[in-house]
Amino acid sequence: MKIKTLFILMVFFAFLSCSNPNKSKIAGILNITEPEDWILAVNPEGCKTCLDSFYSELQLLPKRSPGAIVLIAKNTKTLRLHPLIENSPIPLYLDEQKNLIKEELVQMTDQILLFREEGFTSFDILDYENALSEIR
């Protein structure tokens, strides 16, 4: 009887540890207010022209968008001078310590991740328009 109960508990905890990361978990790790609908995590590596286009599109989001943006990057001078950082229409956070990567919720090769309550979707920076269509 004890072995069966122990086995059931082990299966339950294994299930919990393998569950998809969601926006609640991201908000908890970064110690930010959980947005209503989504968190868009951007690892600004790769095509700089694509990133600039993506940032320009993000600036056009309505001010009442039900989400937040997390940039996984150091707070560099060039990043601070970007218009999206200076005047973001929705809450924007910097993960300067790269906590999402340390917690293995984001891989170094990930570029755009959209976290929702039910899990996440990954996008390549060249495919940023699909990420935008998901949050509009």
N, C-alpha and C. Protein backbone atom coordinates (compact mmCIF):
# COMPACT_ATOMS: atom_id res chain seq x y z
N MET A 1 0.82 -1.20 0.00
CA MET A 1 0.00 0.00 0.00
C MET A 1 0.86 1.26 0.00
N LYS A 2 1.92 1.27 0.84
CA LYS A 2 2.80 2.43 0.91
C LYS A 2 3.55 2.62 -0.41
N ILE A 3 3.92 1.52 -1.03
CA ILE A 3 4.66 1.61 -2.29
C ILE A 3 3.75 2.19 -3.38
N LYS A 4 2.51 1.78 -3.40
CA LYS A 4 1.56 2.31 -4.39
C LYS A 4 1.34 3.81 -4.19
N THR A 5 1.18 4.24 -2.94
CA THR A 5 1.00 5.66 -2.64
C THR A 5 2.24 6.46 -3.03
N LEU A 6 3.41 5.92 -2.72
CA LEU A 6 4.67 6.57 -3.08
C LEU A 6 4.79 6.69 -4.60
N PHE A 7 4.43 5.65 -5.31
CA PHE A 7 4.49 5.66 -6.77
C PHE A 7 3.55 6.73 -7.34
N ILE A 8 2.36 6.83 -6.81
CA ILE A 8 1.38 7.83 -7.29
C ILE A 8 1.91 9.24 -7.03
N LEU A 9 2.50 9.47 -5.87
CA LEU A 9 3.07 10.78 -5.56
C LEU A 9 4.23 11.11 -6.49
N MET A 10 5.07 10.13 -6.79
CA MET A 10 6.21 10.36 -7.69
C MET A 10 5.72 10.73 -9.09
N VAL A 11 4.70 10.05 -9.57
CA VAL A 11 4.14 10.35 -10.88
C VAL A 11 3.54 11.75 -10.90
N PHE A 12 2.84 12.10 -9.84
CA PHE A 12 2.23 13.43 -9.74
C PHE A 12 3.30 14.52 -9.79
N PHE A 13 4.36 14.38 -8.99
CA PHE A 13 5.43 15.40 -8.97
C PHE A 13 6.21 15.42 -10.29
N ALA A 14 6.36 14.28 -10.92
CA ALA A 14 7.03 14.26 -12.23
C ALA A 14 6.18 15.01 -13.26
N PHE A 15 4.88 14.84 -13.18
CA PHE A 15 3.98 15.57 -14.09
C PHE A 15 4.09 17.08 -13.87
N LEU A 16 4.11 17.50 -12.62
CA LEU A 16 4.21 18.93 -12.31
C LEU A 16 5.53 19.52 -12.79
N SER A 17 6.61 18.79 -12.65
CA SER A 17 7.91 19.32 -13.06
C SER A 17 8.06 19.40 -14.57
N CYS A 18 7.30 18.61 -15.30
CA CYS A 18 7.39 18.61 -16.76
C CYS A 18 6.37 19.52 -17.42
N SER A 19 5.57 20.20 -16.64
CA SER A 19 4.54 21.04 -17.24
C SER A 19 5.17 22.22 -17.96
N ASN A 20 4.48 22.69 -18.98
CA ASN A 20 4.97 23.81 -19.78
C ASN A 20 5.08 25.07 -18.95
N PRO A 21 6.14 25.85 -19.18
CA PRO A 21 6.20 27.14 -18.50
C PRO A 21 5.11 28.05 -19.06
N ASN A 22 4.50 28.82 -18.19
CA ASN A 22 3.45 29.72 -18.64
C ASN A 22 3.73 31.12 -18.11
N LYS A 23 2.83 32.05 -18.41
CA LYS A 23 3.06 33.44 -18.04
C LYS A 23 3.13 33.63 -16.54
N SER A 24 2.41 32.84 -15.77
CA SER A 24 2.46 32.96 -14.31
C SER A 24 3.85 32.62 -13.79
N LYS A 25 4.43 31.57 -14.34
CA LYS A 25 5.76 31.15 -13.91
C LYS A 25 6.81 32.20 -14.29
N ILE A 26 6.69 32.77 -15.49
CA ILE A 26 7.61 33.80 -15.94
C ILE A 26 7.50 35.04 -15.04
N ALA A 27 6.28 35.46 -14.77
CA ALA A 27 6.06 36.63 -13.91
C ALA A 27 6.62 36.38 -12.52
N GLY A 28 6.48 35.18 -12.01
CA GLY A 28 7.01 34.86 -10.69
C GLY A 28 8.53 34.90 -10.65
N ILE A 29 9.17 34.37 -11.65
CA ILE A 29 10.64 34.35 -11.70
C ILE A 29 11.19 35.77 -11.81
N LEU A 30 10.55 36.59 -12.62
CA LEU A 30 11.04 37.95 -12.83
C LEU A 30 10.52 38.93 -11.78
N ASN A 31 9.62 38.45 -10.92
CA ASN A 31 9.03 39.28 -9.87
C ASN A 31 8.35 40.52 -10.46
N ILE A 32 7.52 40.28 -11.47
CA ILE A 32 6.77 41.35 -12.11
C ILE A 32 5.28 41.07 -11.96
N THR A 33 4.47 42.08 -12.17
CA THR A 33 3.03 41.90 -12.13
C THR A 33 2.60 41.04 -13.31
N GLU A 34 1.80 40.03 -13.04
CA GLU A 34 1.37 39.14 -14.12
C GLU A 34 0.37 39.85 -15.02
N PRO A 35 0.67 39.91 -16.33
CA PRO A 35 -0.27 40.55 -17.25
C PRO A 35 -1.51 39.69 -17.46
N GLU A 36 -2.52 40.31 -18.02
CA GLU A 36 -3.81 39.66 -18.22
C GLU A 36 -3.76 38.48 -19.19
N ASP A 37 -3.02 38.62 -20.31
CA ASP A 37 -3.11 37.62 -21.36
C ASP A 37 -1.78 36.97 -21.75
N TRP A 38 -0.72 37.73 -21.93
CA TRP A 38 0.51 37.17 -22.48
C TRP A 38 1.76 37.91 -22.02
N ILE A 39 2.89 37.19 -22.13
CA ILE A 39 4.22 37.78 -21.95
C ILE A 39 5.02 37.40 -23.19
N LEU A 40 5.58 38.40 -23.81
CA LEU A 40 6.41 38.19 -25.00
C LEU A 40 7.86 38.34 -24.58
N ALA A 41 8.61 37.23 -24.58
CA ALA A 41 10.03 37.25 -24.21
C ALA A 41 10.85 37.31 -25.49
N VAL A 42 11.74 38.30 -25.56
CA VAL A 42 12.57 38.50 -26.75
C VAL A 42 14.03 38.40 -26.35
N ASN A 43 14.75 37.49 -27.00
CA ASN A 43 16.18 37.36 -26.83
C ASN A 43 16.81 38.07 -28.02
N PRO A 44 17.28 39.30 -27.84
CA PRO A 44 17.70 40.12 -28.99
C PRO A 44 19.04 39.71 -29.59
N GLU A 45 19.09 38.50 -30.08
CA GLU A 45 20.26 38.00 -30.80
C GLU A 45 19.81 37.74 -32.23
N GLY A 46 20.72 37.84 -33.14
CA GLY A 46 20.38 37.54 -34.53
C GLY A 46 20.24 38.79 -35.36
N CYS A 47 19.39 38.73 -36.34
CA CYS A 47 19.20 39.77 -37.36
C CYS A 47 18.80 41.11 -36.74
N LYS A 48 19.72 42.06 -36.71
CA LYS A 48 19.45 43.37 -36.10
C LYS A 48 18.40 44.15 -36.88
N THR A 49 18.40 44.02 -38.20
CA THR A 49 17.39 44.71 -39.02
C THR A 49 16.00 44.16 -38.71
N CYS A 50 15.91 42.84 -38.57
CA CYS A 50 14.63 42.22 -38.22
C CYS A 50 14.17 42.67 -36.84
N LEU A 51 15.10 42.74 -35.89
CA LEU A 51 14.76 43.20 -34.54
C LEU A 51 14.24 44.63 -34.55
N ASP A 52 14.90 45.49 -35.33
CA ASP A 52 14.43 46.88 -35.41
C ASP A 52 13.03 46.96 -35.99
N SER A 53 12.76 46.16 -37.01
CA SER A 53 11.41 46.13 -37.60
C SER A 53 10.40 45.60 -36.58
N PHE A 54 10.80 44.56 -35.86
CA PHE A 54 9.94 43.96 -34.84
C PHE A 54 9.64 44.97 -33.73
N TYR A 55 10.67 45.67 -33.25
CA TYR A 55 10.48 46.68 -32.21
C TYR A 55 9.57 47.80 -32.70
N SER A 56 9.73 48.20 -33.96
CA SER A 56 8.88 49.26 -34.52
C SER A 56 7.42 48.83 -34.53
N GLU A 57 7.18 47.56 -34.87
CA GLU A 57 5.81 47.03 -34.87
C GLU A 57 5.25 46.95 -33.44
N LEU A 58 6.09 46.60 -32.49
CA LEU A 58 5.64 46.52 -31.10
C LEU A 58 5.22 47.89 -30.57
N GLN A 59 5.87 48.94 -31.05
CA GLN A 59 5.51 50.29 -30.64
C GLN A 59 4.10 50.67 -31.06
N LEU A 60 3.58 49.98 -32.08
CA LEU A 60 2.25 50.30 -32.60
C LEU A 60 1.13 49.58 -31.84
N LEU A 61 1.49 48.74 -30.88
CA LEU A 61 0.46 48.05 -30.10
C LEU A 61 -0.34 49.06 -29.29
N PRO A 62 -1.61 48.82 -29.10
CA PRO A 62 -2.42 49.74 -28.29
C PRO A 62 -1.92 49.80 -26.85
N LYS A 63 -2.08 50.95 -26.23
CA LYS A 63 -1.61 51.14 -24.85
C LYS A 63 -2.30 50.21 -23.85
N ARG A 64 -3.48 49.77 -24.15
CA ARG A 64 -4.22 48.88 -23.24
C ARG A 64 -4.05 47.41 -23.59
N SER A 65 -2.97 47.06 -24.31
CA SER A 65 -2.73 45.65 -24.66
C SER A 65 -2.62 44.82 -23.38
N PRO A 66 -3.21 43.62 -23.38
CA PRO A 66 -3.24 42.81 -22.16
C PRO A 66 -1.98 41.97 -21.95
N GLY A 67 -0.81 42.56 -22.19
CA GLY A 67 0.41 41.78 -22.06
C GLY A 67 1.58 42.59 -21.57
N ALA A 68 2.75 41.95 -21.66
CA ALA A 68 4.01 42.59 -21.27
C ALA A 68 5.12 42.05 -22.15
N ILE A 69 6.17 42.85 -22.28
CA ILE A 69 7.33 42.45 -23.07
C ILE A 69 8.50 42.29 -22.12
N VAL A 70 9.27 41.22 -22.30
CA VAL A 70 10.49 41.01 -21.53
C VAL A 70 11.64 40.88 -22.52
N LEU A 71 12.62 41.77 -22.39
CA LEU A 71 13.84 41.67 -23.20
C LEU A 71 14.91 41.00 -22.36
N ILE A 72 15.46 39.92 -22.89
CA ILE A 72 16.50 39.19 -22.19
C ILE A 72 17.83 39.77 -22.65
N ALA A 73 18.23 40.87 -22.01
CA ALA A 73 19.43 41.58 -22.47
C ALA A 73 19.96 42.49 -21.38
N LYS A 74 21.21 42.82 -21.52
CA LYS A 74 21.83 43.82 -20.65
C LYS A 74 21.26 45.19 -20.98
N ASN A 75 21.23 46.06 -20.01
CA ASN A 75 20.74 47.42 -20.19
C ASN A 75 21.86 48.27 -20.77
N THR A 76 22.09 48.11 -22.07
CA THR A 76 23.18 48.83 -22.73
C THR A 76 22.73 50.20 -23.18
N LYS A 77 23.69 51.03 -23.49
CA LYS A 77 23.38 52.39 -23.93
C LYS A 77 22.57 52.37 -25.23
N THR A 78 22.94 51.52 -26.18
CA THR A 78 22.21 51.46 -27.44
C THR A 78 20.80 50.94 -27.25
N LEU A 79 20.62 50.01 -26.32
CA LEU A 79 19.28 49.49 -26.05
C LEU A 79 18.41 50.57 -25.40
N ARG A 80 18.97 51.32 -24.47
CA ARG A 80 18.20 52.39 -23.80
C ARG A 80 17.77 53.48 -24.77
N LEU A 81 18.54 53.69 -25.82
CA LEU A 81 18.23 54.75 -26.77
C LEU A 81 17.16 54.34 -27.79
N HIS A 82 16.81 53.07 -27.81
CA HIS A 82 15.80 52.61 -28.76
C HIS A 82 14.43 53.17 -28.35
N PRO A 83 13.64 53.67 -29.31
CA PRO A 83 12.33 54.25 -28.98
C PRO A 83 11.39 53.29 -28.24
N LEU A 84 11.46 52.00 -28.54
CA LEU A 84 10.59 51.05 -27.84
C LEU A 84 10.89 51.04 -26.34
N ILE A 85 12.16 51.13 -25.99
CA ILE A 85 12.54 51.11 -24.58
C ILE A 85 12.14 52.41 -23.91
N GLU A 86 12.36 53.52 -24.58
CA GLU A 86 12.06 54.83 -24.00
C GLU A 86 10.56 55.05 -23.83
N ASN A 87 9.76 54.64 -24.81
CA ASN A 87 8.32 54.95 -24.81
C ASN A 87 7.49 53.71 -25.14
N SER A 88 7.64 52.67 -24.38
CA SER A 88 6.89 51.45 -24.66
C SER A 88 5.40 51.67 -24.37
N PRO A 89 4.53 51.24 -25.31
CA PRO A 89 3.09 51.41 -25.08
C PRO A 89 2.53 50.45 -24.03
N ILE A 90 3.25 49.39 -23.76
CA ILE A 90 2.82 48.40 -22.76
C ILE A 90 3.99 48.13 -21.82
N PRO A 91 3.75 47.49 -20.68
CA PRO A 91 4.84 47.25 -19.74
C PRO A 91 6.01 46.50 -20.39
N LEU A 92 7.20 47.00 -20.17
CA LEU A 92 8.41 46.41 -20.72
C LEU A 92 9.42 46.20 -19.60
N TYR A 93 9.98 45.00 -19.53
CA TYR A 93 10.92 44.65 -18.48
C TYR A 93 12.20 44.12 -19.12
N LEU A 94 13.33 44.39 -18.46
CA LEU A 94 14.61 43.85 -18.89
C LEU A 94 15.01 42.72 -17.95
N ASP A 95 15.34 41.58 -18.52
CA ASP A 95 15.88 40.47 -17.74
C ASP A 95 17.40 40.54 -17.89
N GLU A 96 18.00 41.51 -17.20
CA GLU A 96 19.44 41.76 -17.33
C GLU A 96 20.27 40.61 -16.77
N GLN A 97 19.77 39.93 -15.78
CA GLN A 97 20.51 38.81 -15.18
C GLN A 97 20.30 37.51 -15.96
N LYS A 98 19.47 37.57 -16.99
CA LYS A 98 19.13 36.40 -17.82
C LYS A 98 18.60 35.25 -16.97
N ASN A 99 17.68 35.61 -16.04
CA ASN A 99 17.09 34.62 -15.15
C ASN A 99 16.28 33.57 -15.90
N LEU A 100 15.62 33.96 -16.97
CA LEU A 100 14.82 32.99 -17.73
C LEU A 100 15.72 31.93 -18.38
N ILE A 101 16.92 32.33 -18.75
CA ILE A 101 17.87 31.36 -19.32
C ILE A 101 18.45 30.51 -18.19
N LYS A 102 18.78 31.12 -17.06
CA LYS A 102 19.32 30.37 -15.92
C LYS A 102 18.33 29.33 -15.42
N GLU A 103 17.03 29.69 -15.43
CA GLU A 103 15.98 28.76 -14.98
C GLU A 103 15.60 27.76 -16.07
N GLU A 104 16.27 27.85 -17.22
CA GLU A 104 16.07 26.96 -18.37
C GLU A 104 14.66 27.01 -18.94
N LEU A 105 14.01 28.18 -18.81
CA LEU A 105 12.72 28.38 -19.45
C LEU A 105 12.89 28.93 -20.85
N VAL A 106 14.03 29.56 -21.08
CA VAL A 106 14.40 30.08 -22.39
C VAL A 106 15.79 29.56 -22.70
N GLN A 107 15.98 29.10 -23.92
CA GLN A 107 17.30 28.63 -24.36
C GLN A 107 18.05 29.78 -25.01
N MET A 108 19.36 29.70 -25.05
CA MET A 108 20.16 30.74 -25.69
C MET A 108 19.80 30.91 -27.16
N THR A 109 19.32 29.85 -27.79
CA THR A 109 18.98 29.91 -29.22
C THR A 109 17.56 30.42 -29.47
N ASP A 110 16.74 30.51 -28.42
CA ASP A 110 15.38 31.03 -28.60
C ASP A 110 15.46 32.52 -28.92
N GLN A 111 14.57 32.98 -29.80
CA GLN A 111 14.58 34.39 -30.17
C GLN A 111 13.32 35.10 -29.70
N ILE A 112 12.15 34.55 -29.99
CA ILE A 112 10.89 35.14 -29.53
C ILE A 112 10.04 34.02 -28.94
N LEU A 113 9.59 34.21 -27.71
CA LEU A 113 8.70 33.25 -27.06
C LEU A 113 7.47 33.98 -26.57
N LEU A 114 6.31 33.43 -26.88
CA LEU A 114 5.04 34.00 -26.44
C LEU A 114 4.47 33.08 -25.37
N PHE A 115 4.44 33.57 -24.11
CA PHE A 115 3.93 32.78 -22.99
C PHE A 115 2.50 33.19 -22.71
N ARG A 116 1.66 32.18 -22.60
CA ARG A 116 0.26 32.37 -22.20
C ARG A 116 -0.02 31.43 -21.05
N GLU A 117 -1.25 31.45 -20.56
CA GLU A 117 -1.60 30.60 -19.41
C GLU A 117 -1.43 29.12 -19.74
N GLU A 118 -1.72 28.73 -20.98
CA GLU A 118 -1.69 27.32 -21.34
C GLU A 118 -0.32 26.83 -21.81
N GLY A 119 0.68 27.70 -21.88
CA GLY A 119 2.01 27.28 -22.32
C GLY A 119 2.68 28.37 -23.13
N PHE A 120 3.52 27.96 -24.08
CA PHE A 120 4.23 28.95 -24.87
C PHE A 120 4.35 28.52 -26.33
N THR A 121 4.63 29.52 -27.18
CA THR A 121 4.90 29.29 -28.60
C THR A 121 6.21 29.98 -28.92
N SER A 122 7.05 29.31 -29.70
CA SER A 122 8.36 29.85 -30.06
C SER A 122 8.33 30.35 -31.50
N PHE A 123 8.99 31.49 -31.74
CA PHE A 123 9.07 32.06 -33.09
C PHE A 123 10.52 32.43 -33.39
N ASP A 124 10.89 32.31 -34.64
CA ASP A 124 12.18 32.79 -35.11
C ASP A 124 12.05 34.28 -35.38
N ILE A 125 13.13 35.03 -35.24
CA ILE A 125 13.05 36.47 -35.46
C ILE A 125 12.63 36.80 -36.89
N LEU A 126 12.98 35.95 -37.84
CA LEU A 126 12.58 36.18 -39.23
C LEU A 126 11.08 35.99 -39.41
N ASP A 127 10.44 35.34 -38.45
CA ASP A 127 9.01 35.07 -38.48
C ASP A 127 8.27 35.92 -37.46
N TYR A 128 8.78 37.12 -37.18
CA TYR A 128 8.21 37.97 -36.13
C TYR A 128 6.78 38.40 -36.43
N GLU A 129 6.39 38.44 -37.71
CA GLU A 129 5.03 38.86 -38.05
C GLU A 129 3.98 37.88 -37.50
N ASN A 130 4.31 36.60 -37.48
CA ASN A 130 3.39 35.62 -36.89
C ASN A 130 3.25 35.83 -35.38
N ALA A 131 4.35 36.18 -34.72
CA ALA A 131 4.28 36.47 -33.28
C ALA A 131 3.37 37.69 -33.04
N LEU A 132 3.51 38.70 -33.88
CA LEU A 132 2.67 39.89 -33.75
C LEU A 132 1.20 39.57 -33.98
N SER A 133 0.92 38.72 -34.96
CA SER A 133 -0.48 38.38 -35.24
C SER A 133 -1.11 37.61 -34.07
N GLU A 134 -0.29 36.90 -33.31
CA GLU A 134 -0.81 36.17 -32.15
C GLU A 134 -1.22 37.10 -31.00
N ILE A 135 -0.57 38.28 -30.90
CA ILE A 135 -0.86 39.15 -29.76
C ILE A 135 -1.76 40.32 -30.11
N ARG A 136 -2.06 40.50 -31.35
CA ARG A 136 -2.96 41.60 -31.75
C ARG A 136 -4.40 41.21 -31.56
